Amino acid sequence: MIRGSDLLRDLHARGLPTRGVRYTDIVSICDGLVVPAEANSIPGTTVHRLQDSNPLDCTPHHELPKSPLARHLVTSAASAPDV
């Protein structure tokens, strides 16, 4: 989660790990740990910000798994047809 960390630099340098897999990041501008929210997303990943769906949602990082909106975005991404 630390911007510029060795792990993230390595992930960004290698790109997406598995060809043909759709990767999705669910982020919040109120994250509090990852700032800016999209900073650690690997290029090629689809990024969904909670606030794009609900501008009033201010879910912090540690609450994302409990967020009904985040869960909805995850299940929507998982069930989206391949393009």
PDB file of N, CA and C in Angstrom:
ATOM      1  N   MET A   1       0.809  -1.201   0.000  1.00  0.00           N
ATOM      2  CA  MET A   1       0.000   0.000   0.000  1.00  0.00           C
ATOM      3  C   MET A   1       0.847   1.257   0.000  1.00  0.00           C
ATOM      4  N   ILE A   2       2.114   1.134   0.258  1.00  0.00           N
ATOM      5  CA  ILE A   2       2.948   2.319   0.340  1.00  0.00           C
ATOM      6  C   ILE A   2       3.390   2.714  -1.066  1.00  0.00           C
ATOM      7  N   ARG A   3       2.967   3.896  -1.475  1.00  0.00           N
ATOM      8  CA  ARG A   3       3.302   4.378  -2.814  1.00  0.00           C
ATOM      9  C   ARG A   3       4.813   4.402  -2.986  1.00  0.00           C
ATOM     10  N   GLY A   4       5.268   3.807  -4.093  1.00  0.00           N
ATOM     11  CA  GLY A   4       6.696   3.772  -4.376  1.00  0.00           C
ATOM     12  C   GLY A   4       7.444   2.639  -3.700  1.00  0.00           C
ATOM     13  N   SER A   5       6.713   1.747  -3.002  1.00  0.00           N
ATOM     14  CA  SER A   5       7.382   0.632  -2.327  1.00  0.00           C
ATOM     15  C   SER A   5       7.999  -0.316  -3.359  1.00  0.00           C
ATOM     16  N   ASP A   6       8.966  -1.128  -2.919  1.00  0.00           N
ATOM     17  CA  ASP A   6       9.598  -2.096  -3.812  1.00  0.00           C
ATOM     18  C   ASP A   6       8.559  -3.023  -4.429  1.00  0.00           C
ATOM     19  N   LEU A   7       7.611  -3.493  -3.630  1.00  0.00           N
ATOM     20  CA  LEU A   7       6.578  -4.400  -4.120  1.00  0.00           C
ATOM     21  C   LEU A   7       5.762  -3.740  -5.238  1.00  0.00           C
ATOM     22  N   LEU A   8       5.299  -2.526  -5.013  1.00  0.00           N
ATOM     23  CA  LEU A   8       4.484  -1.863  -6.023  1.00  0.00           C
ATOM     24  C   LEU A   8       5.291  -1.506  -7.264  1.00  0.00           C
ATOM     25  N   ARG A   9       6.536  -1.103  -7.086  1.00  0.00           N
ATOM     26  CA  ARG A   9       7.385  -0.827  -8.259  1.00  0.00           C
ATOM     27  C   ARG A   9       7.545  -2.091  -9.093  1.00  0.00           C
ATOM     28  N   ASP A  10       7.743  -3.231  -8.423  1.00  0.00           N
ATOM     29  CA  ASP A  10       7.898  -4.506  -9.119  1.00  0.00           C
ATOM     30  C   ASP A  10       6.604  -4.889  -9.847  1.00  0.00           C
ATOM     31  N   LEU A  11       5.468  -4.746  -9.163  1.00  0.00           N
ATOM     32  CA  LEU A  11       4.190  -5.072  -9.799  1.00  0.00           C
ATOM     33  C   LEU A  11       3.931  -4.190 -11.015  1.00  0.00           C
ATOM     34  N   HIS A  12       4.208  -2.914 -10.890  1.00  0.00           N
ATOM     35  CA  HIS A  12       3.996  -1.991 -12.008  1.00  0.00           C
ATOM     36  C   HIS A  12       4.953  -2.304 -13.161  1.00  0.00           C
ATOM     37  N   ALA A  13       6.178  -2.698 -12.851  1.00  0.00           N
ATOM     38  CA  ALA A  13       7.148  -3.011 -13.890  1.00  0.00           C
ATOM     39  C   ALA A  13       6.766  -4.277 -14.647  1.00  0.00           C
ATOM     40  N   ARG A  14       6.236  -5.276 -13.929  1.00  0.00           N
ATOM     41  CA  ARG A  14       5.865  -6.543 -14.559  1.00  0.00           C
ATOM     42  C   ARG A  14       4.503  -6.480 -15.239  1.00  0.00           C
ATOM     43  N   GLY A  15       3.661  -5.556 -14.805  1.00  0.00           N
ATOM     44  CA  GLY A  15       2.313  -5.486 -15.371  1.00  0.00           C
ATOM     45  C   GLY A  15       1.390  -6.521 -14.760  1.00  0.00           C
ATOM     46  N   LEU A  16       0.254  -6.702 -15.397  1.00  0.00           N
ATOM     47  CA  LEU A  16      -0.738  -7.641 -14.871  1.00  0.00           C
ATOM     48  C   LEU A  16      -0.178  -9.058 -14.884  1.00  0.00           C
ATOM     49  N   PRO A  17      -0.373  -9.793 -13.777  1.00  0.00           N
ATOM     50  CA  PRO A  17       0.256 -11.107 -13.633  1.00  0.00           C
ATOM     51  C   PRO A  17      -0.232 -12.184 -14.598  1.00  0.00           C
ATOM     52  N   THR A  18      -1.505 -12.201 -14.942  1.00  0.00           N
ATOM     53  CA  THR A  18      -2.029 -13.289 -15.759  1.00  0.00           C
ATOM     54  C   THR A  18      -2.808 -12.728 -16.943  1.00  0.00           C
ATOM     55  N   ARG A  19      -2.353 -13.048 -18.135  1.00  0.00           N
ATOM     56  CA  ARG A  19      -3.061 -12.598 -19.334  1.00  0.00           C
ATOM     57  C   ARG A  19      -4.458 -13.213 -19.369  1.00  0.00           C
ATOM     58  N   GLY A  20      -5.417 -12.425 -19.846  1.00  0.00           N
ATOM     59  CA  GLY A  20      -6.781 -12.913 -19.991  1.00  0.00           C
ATOM     60  C   GLY A  20      -7.628 -12.765 -18.743  1.00  0.00           C
ATOM     61  N   VAL A  21      -7.023 -12.367 -17.632  1.00  0.00           N
ATOM     62  CA  VAL A  21      -7.767 -12.153 -16.391  1.00  0.00           C
ATOM     63  C   VAL A  21      -8.090 -10.672 -16.279  1.00  0.00           C
ATOM     64  N   ARG A  22      -9.345 -10.358 -15.980  1.00  0.00           N
ATOM     65  CA  ARG A  22      -9.734  -8.954 -15.754  1.00  0.00           C
ATOM     66  C   ARG A  22      -9.454  -8.624 -14.294  1.00  0.00           C
ATOM     67  N   TYR A  23      -8.678  -7.586 -14.073  1.00  0.00           N
ATOM     68  CA  TYR A  23      -8.361  -7.146 -12.718  1.00  0.00           C
ATOM     69  C   TYR A  23      -9.145  -5.883 -12.418  1.00  0.00           C
ATOM     70  N   THR A  24      -9.717  -5.835 -11.235  1.00  0.00           N
ATOM     71  CA  THR A  24     -10.535  -4.705 -10.818  1.00  0.00           C
ATOM     72  C   THR A  24     -10.096  -4.233  -9.442  1.00  0.00           C
ATOM     73  N   ASP A  25      -9.955  -2.927  -9.301  1.00  0.00           N
ATOM     74  CA  ASP A  25      -9.683  -2.327  -7.994  1.00  0.00           C
ATOM     75  C   ASP A  25     -10.900  -1.508  -7.586  1.00  0.00           C
ATOM     76  N   ILE A  26     -11.335  -1.701  -6.357  1.00  0.00           N
ATOM     77  CA  ILE A  26     -12.403  -0.893  -5.783  1.00  0.00           C
ATOM     78  C   ILE A  26     -11.715   0.064  -4.820  1.00  0.00           C
ATOM     79  N   VAL A  27     -11.858   1.360  -5.058  1.00  0.00           N
ATOM     80  CA  VAL A  27     -11.144   2.343  -4.246  1.00  0.00           C
ATOM     81  C   VAL A  27     -12.100   3.401  -3.716  1.00  0.00           C
ATOM     82  N   SER A  28     -11.641   4.113  -2.710  1.00  0.00           N
ATOM     83  CA  SER A  28     -12.416   5.191  -2.106  1.00  0.00           C
ATOM     84  C   SER A  28     -11.513   6.408  -1.935  1.00  0.00           C
ATOM     85  N   ILE A  29     -12.008   7.570  -2.295  1.00  0.00           N
ATOM     86  CA  ILE A  29     -11.205   8.776  -2.097  1.00  0.00           C
ATOM     87  C   ILE A  29     -11.047   9.088  -0.608  1.00  0.00           C
ATOM     88  N   CYS A  30     -11.807   8.404   0.230  1.00  0.00           N
ATOM     89  CA  CYS A  30     -11.703   8.560   1.685  1.00  0.00           C
ATOM     90  C   CYS A  30     -10.865   7.437   2.293  1.00  0.00           C
ATOM     91  N   ASP A  31     -10.068   6.758   1.478  1.00  0.00           N
ATOM     92  CA  ASP A  31      -9.306   5.589   1.903  1.00  0.00           C
ATOM     93  C   ASP A  31      -8.516   5.847   3.177  1.00  0.00           C
ATOM     94  N   GLY A  32      -7.724   6.898   3.206  1.00  0.00           N
ATOM     95  CA  GLY A  32      -6.940   7.218   4.390  1.00  0.00           C
ATOM     96  C   GLY A  32      -5.593   6.536   4.435  1.00  0.00           C
ATOM     97  N   LEU A  33      -5.436   5.386   3.771  1.00  0.00           N
ATOM     98  CA  LEU A  33      -4.147   4.683   3.731  1.00  0.00           C
ATOM     99  C   LEU A  33      -3.476   4.842   2.378  1.00  0.00           C
ATOM    100  N   VAL A  34      -4.249   4.695   1.311  1.00  0.00           N
ATOM    101  CA  VAL A  34      -3.730   4.821  -0.044  1.00  0.00           C
ATOM    102  C   VAL A  34      -4.184   6.174  -0.582  1.00  0.00           C
ATOM    103  N   VAL A  35      -3.229   7.089  -0.744  1.00  0.00           N
ATOM    104  CA  VAL A  35      -3.564   8.444  -1.173  1.00  0.00           C
ATOM    105  C   VAL A  35      -2.605   8.840  -2.288  1.00  0.00           C
ATOM    106  N   PRO A  36      -3.098   9.224  -3.451  1.00  0.00           N
ATOM    107  CA  PRO A  36      -4.491   9.186  -3.864  1.00  0.00           C
ATOM    108  C   PRO A  36      -4.966   7.748  -4.051  1.00  0.00           C
ATOM    109  N   ALA A  37      -6.263   7.573  -4.030  1.00  0.00           N
ATOM    110  CA  ALA A  37      -6.861   6.239  -4.002  1.00  0.00           C
ATOM    111  C   ALA A  37      -6.400   5.340  -5.149  1.00  0.00           C
ATOM    112  N   GLU A  38      -6.230   5.893  -6.330  1.00  0.00           N
ATOM    113  CA  GLU A  38      -5.852   5.094  -7.500  1.00  0.00           C
ATOM    114  C   GLU A  38      -4.343   4.923  -7.639  1.00  0.00           C
ATOM    115  N   ALA A  39      -3.568   5.454  -6.705  1.00  0.00           N
ATOM    116  CA  ALA A  39      -2.115   5.504  -6.847  1.00  0.00           C
ATOM    117  C   ALA A  39      -1.462   4.140  -7.018  1.00  0.00           C
ATOM    118  N   ASN A  40      -1.997   3.098  -6.427  1.00  0.00           N
ATOM    119  CA  ASN A  40      -1.347   1.799  -6.457  1.00  0.00           C
ATOM    120  C   ASN A  40      -1.946   0.834  -7.458  1.00  0.00           C
ATOM    121  N   SER A  41      -2.918   1.267  -8.224  1.00  0.00           N
ATOM    122  CA  SER A  41      -3.536   0.385  -9.213  1.00  0.00           C
ATOM    123  C   SER A  41      -2.555   0.097 -10.341  1.00  0.00           C
ATOM    124  N   ILE A  42      -2.459  -1.155 -10.699  1.00  0.00           N
ATOM    125  CA  ILE A  42      -1.568  -1.567 -11.782  1.00  0.00           C
ATOM    126  C   ILE A  42      -2.178  -1.124 -13.104  1.00  0.00           C
ATOM    127  N   PRO A  43      -1.388  -0.563 -14.008  1.00  0.00           N
ATOM    128  CA  PRO A  43      -1.927  -0.186 -15.318  1.00  0.00           C
ATOM    129  C   PRO A  43      -2.614  -1.381 -15.987  1.00  0.00           C
ATOM    130  N   GLY A  44      -3.772  -1.144 -16.563  1.00  0.00           N
ATOM    131  CA  GLY A  44      -4.560  -2.211 -17.175  1.00  0.00           C
ATOM    132  C   GLY A  44      -5.670  -2.713 -16.275  1.00  0.00           C
ATOM    133  N   THR A  45      -5.628  -2.321 -15.017  1.00  0.00           N
ATOM    134  CA  THR A  45      -6.671  -2.692 -14.064  1.00  0.00           C
ATOM    135  C   THR A  45      -7.845  -1.730 -14.213  1.00  0.00           C
ATOM    136  N   THR A  46      -9.050  -2.256 -14.118  1.00  0.00           N
ATOM    137  CA  THR A  46     -10.233  -1.401 -14.108  1.00  0.00           C
ATOM    138  C   THR A  46     -10.417  -0.884 -12.689  1.00  0.00           C
ATOM    139  N   VAL A  47     -10.495   0.422 -12.543  1.00  0.00           N
ATOM    140  CA  VAL A  47     -10.620   1.034 -11.228  1.00  0.00           C
ATOM    141  C   VAL A  47     -12.026   1.604 -11.079  1.00  0.00           C
ATOM    142  N   HIS A  48     -12.696   1.205  -9.994  1.00  0.00           N
ATOM    143  CA  HIS A  48     -14.024   1.730  -9.665  1.00  0.00           C
ATOM    144  C   HIS A  48     -13.911   2.507  -8.362  1.00  0.00           C
ATOM    145  N   ARG A  49     -14.209   3.792  -8.411  1.00  0.00           N
ATOM    146  CA  ARG A  49     -14.238   4.605  -7.193  1.00  0.00           C
ATOM    147  C   ARG A  49     -15.651   4.577  -6.635  1.00  0.00           C
ATOM    148  N   LEU A  50     -15.775   4.336  -5.343  1.00  0.00           N
ATOM    149  CA  LEU A  50     -17.093   4.331  -4.714  1.00  0.00           C
ATOM    150  C   LEU A  50     -17.830   5.634  -5.010  1.00  0.00           C
ATOM    151  N   GLN A  51     -17.095   6.729  -4.994  1.00  0.00           N
ATOM    152  CA  GLN A  51     -17.728   8.039  -5.133  1.00  0.00           C
ATOM    153  C   GLN A  51     -18.262   8.293  -6.545  1.00  0.00           C
ATOM    154  N   ASP A  52     -17.844   7.498  -7.525  1.00  0.00           N
ATOM    155  CA  ASP A  52     -18.432   7.618  -8.860  1.00  0.00           C
ATOM    156  C   ASP A  52     -19.865   7.095  -8.855  1.00  0.00           C
ATOM    157  N   SER A  53     -20.141   6.137  -7.997  1.00  0.00           N
ATOM    158  CA  SER A  53     -21.493   5.589  -7.870  1.00  0.00           C
ATOM    159  C   SER A  53     -22.316   6.325  -6.827  1.00  0.00           C
ATOM    160  N   ASN A  54     -21.648   6.771  -5.764  1.00  0.00           N
ATOM    161  CA  ASN A  54     -22.338   7.495  -4.705  1.00  0.00           C
ATOM    162  C   ASN A  54     -21.396   8.559  -4.145  1.00  0.00           C
ATOM    163  N   PRO A  55     -21.528   9.808  -4.616  1.00  0.00           N
ATOM    164  CA  PRO A  55     -20.618  10.872  -4.185  1.00  0.00           C
ATOM    165  C   PRO A  55     -20.588  11.097  -2.666  1.00  0.00           C
ATOM    166  N   LEU A  56     -21.615  10.655  -1.954  1.00  0.00           N
ATOM    167  CA  LEU A  56     -21.671  10.861  -0.508  1.00  0.00           C
ATOM    168  C   LEU A  56     -21.029   9.730   0.286  1.00  0.00           C
ATOM    169  N   ASP A  57     -20.654   8.648  -0.390  1.00  0.00           N
ATOM    170  CA  ASP A  57     -20.037   7.506   0.291  1.00  0.00           C
ATOM    171  C   ASP A  57     -18.599   7.861   0.651  1.00  0.00           C
ATOM    172  N   CYS A  58     -18.264   7.761   1.930  1.00  0.00           N
ATOM    173  CA  CYS A  58     -16.909   8.084   2.389  1.00  0.00           C
ATOM    174  C   CYS A  58     -16.349   6.907   3.197  1.00  0.00           C
ATOM    175  N   THR A  59     -16.331   5.738   2.578  1.00  0.00           N
ATOM    176  CA  THR A  59     -15.843   4.532   3.239  1.00  0.00           C
ATOM    177  C   THR A  59     -14.320   4.535   3.288  1.00  0.00           C
ATOM    178  N   PRO A  60     -13.731   4.372   4.484  1.00  0.00           N
ATOM    179  CA  PRO A  60     -12.267   4.296   4.577  1.00  0.00           C
ATOM    180  C   PRO A  60     -11.775   2.895   4.196  1.00  0.00           C
ATOM    181  N   HIS A  61     -10.479   2.765   3.999  1.00  0.00           N
ATOM    182  CA  HIS A  61      -9.855   1.532   3.521  1.00  0.00           C
ATOM    183  C   HIS A  61     -10.288   0.291   4.310  1.00  0.00           C
ATOM    184  N   HIS A  62     -10.173   0.361   5.622  1.00  0.00           N
ATOM    185  CA  HIS A  62     -10.440  -0.830   6.444  1.00  0.00           C
ATOM    186  C   HIS A  62     -11.920  -1.221   6.476  1.00  0.00           C
ATOM    187  N   GLU A  63     -12.793  -0.361   5.979  1.00  0.00           N
ATOM    188  CA  GLU A  63     -14.228  -0.665   5.956  1.00  0.00           C
ATOM    189  C   GLU A  63     -14.717  -1.124   4.582  1.00  0.00           C
ATOM    190  N   LEU A  64     -13.849  -1.119   3.572  1.00  0.00           N
ATOM    191  CA  LEU A  64     -14.281  -1.500   2.222  1.00  0.00           C
ATOM    192  C   LEU A  64     -14.946  -2.884   2.165  1.00  0.00           C
ATOM    193  N   PRO A  65     -14.411  -3.905   2.853  1.00  0.00           N
ATOM    194  CA  PRO A  65     -15.076  -5.216   2.781  1.00  0.00           C
ATOM    195  C   PRO A  65     -16.497  -5.216   3.352  1.00  0.00           C
ATOM    196  N   LYS A  66     -16.806  -4.276   4.229  1.00  0.00           N
ATOM    197  CA  LYS A  66     -18.135  -4.211   4.843  1.00  0.00           C
ATOM    198  C   LYS A  66     -19.081  -3.297   4.074  1.00  0.00           C
ATOM    199  N   SER A  67     -18.578  -2.574   3.100  1.00  0.00           N
ATOM    200  CA  SER A  67     -19.385  -1.598   2.372  1.00  0.00           C
ATOM    201  C   SER A  67     -20.324  -2.289   1.390  1.00  0.00           C
ATOM    202  N   PRO A  68     -21.642  -2.049   1.520  1.00  0.00           N
ATOM    203  CA  PRO A  68     -22.581  -2.623   0.558  1.00  0.00           C
ATOM    204  C   PRO A  68     -22.274  -2.180  -0.874  1.00  0.00           C
ATOM    205  N   LEU A  69     -21.872  -0.928  -1.054  1.00  0.00           N
ATOM    206  CA  LEU A  69     -21.558  -0.448  -2.396  1.00  0.00           C
ATOM    207  C   LEU A  69     -20.312  -1.137  -2.943  1.00  0.00           C
ATOM    208  N   ALA A  70     -19.292  -1.285  -2.122  1.00  0.00           N
ATOM    209  CA  ALA A  70     -18.072  -1.973  -2.575  1.00  0.00           C
ATOM    210  C   ALA A  70     -18.388  -3.417  -2.942  1.00  0.00           C
ATOM    211  N   ARG A  71     -19.182  -4.090  -2.130  1.00  0.00           N
ATOM    212  CA  ARG A  71     -19.570  -5.471  -2.447  1.00  0.00           C
ATOM    213  C   ARG A  71     -20.345  -5.528  -3.749  1.00  0.00           C
ATOM    214  N   HIS A  72     -21.228  -4.563  -3.967  1.00  0.00           N
ATOM    215  CA  HIS A  72     -21.990  -4.511  -5.222  1.00  0.00           C
ATOM    216  C   HIS A  72     -21.040  -4.337  -6.419  1.00  0.00           C
ATOM    217  N   LEU A  73     -20.069  -3.437  -6.293  1.00  0.00           N
ATOM    218  CA  LEU A  73     -19.116  -3.218  -7.377  1.00  0.00           C
ATOM    219  C   LEU A  73     -18.280  -4.467  -7.647  1.00  0.00           C
ATOM    220  N   VAL A  74     -17.913  -5.184  -6.599  1.00  0.00           N
ATOM    221  CA  VAL A  74     -17.150  -6.430  -6.761  1.00  0.00           C
ATOM    222  C   VAL A  74     -17.980  -7.474  -7.496  1.00  0.00           C
ATOM    223  N   THR A  75     -19.201  -7.698  -7.049  1.00  0.00           N
ATOM    224  CA  THR A  75     -20.024  -8.716  -7.701  1.00  0.00           C
ATOM    225  C   THR A  75     -20.385  -8.314  -9.131  1.00  0.00           C
ATOM    226  N   SER A  76     -20.579  -7.036  -9.371  1.00  0.00           N
ATOM    227  CA  SER A  76     -20.851  -6.580 -10.738  1.00  0.00           C
ATOM    228  C   SER A  76     -19.651  -6.826 -11.651  1.00  0.00           C
ATOM    229  N   ALA A  77     -18.457  -6.517 -11.138  1.00  0.00           N
ATOM    230  CA  ALA A  77     -17.251  -6.736 -11.932  1.00  0.00           C
ATOM    231  C   ALA A  77     -17.035  -8.229 -12.190  1.00  0.00           C
ATOM    232  N   ALA A  78     -17.293  -9.051 -11.184  1.00  0.00           N
ATOM    233  CA  ALA A  78     -17.089 -10.486 -11.319  1.00  0.00           C
ATOM    234  C   ALA A  78     -18.078 -11.129 -12.279  1.00  0.00           C
ATOM    235  N   SER A  79     -19.270 -10.562 -12.369  1.00  0.00           N
ATOM    236  CA  SER A  79     -20.287 -11.153 -13.235  1.00  0.00           C
ATOM    237  C   SER A  79     -20.384 -10.495 -14.603  1.00  0.00           C
ATOM    238  N   ALA A  80     -19.543  -9.483 -14.844  1.00  0.00           N
ATOM    239  CA  ALA A  80     -19.565  -8.797 -16.147  1.00  0.00           C
ATOM    240  C   ALA A  80     -19.111  -9.761 -17.243  1.00  0.00           C
ATOM    241  N   PRO A  81     -19.781  -9.727 -18.389  1.00  0.00           N
ATOM    242  CA  PRO A  81     -19.361 -10.607 -19.496  1.00  0.00           C
ATOM    243  C   PRO A  81     -17.990 -10.206 -20.026  1.00  0.00           C
ATOM    244  N   ASP A  82     -17.278 -11.187 -20.536  1.00  0.00           N
ATOM    245  CA  ASP A  82     -15.986 -10.897 -21.171  1.00  0.00           C
ATOM    246  C   ASP A  82     -16.219 -10.106 -22.447  1.00  0.00           C
ATOM    247  N   VAL A  83     -15.290  -9.194 -22.708  1.00  0.00           N
ATOM    248  CA  VAL A  83     -15.395  -8.399 -23.933  1.00  0.00           C
ATOM    249  C   VAL A  83     -14.287  -8.737 -24.895  1.00  0.00           C
TER     250      VAL A  83
END
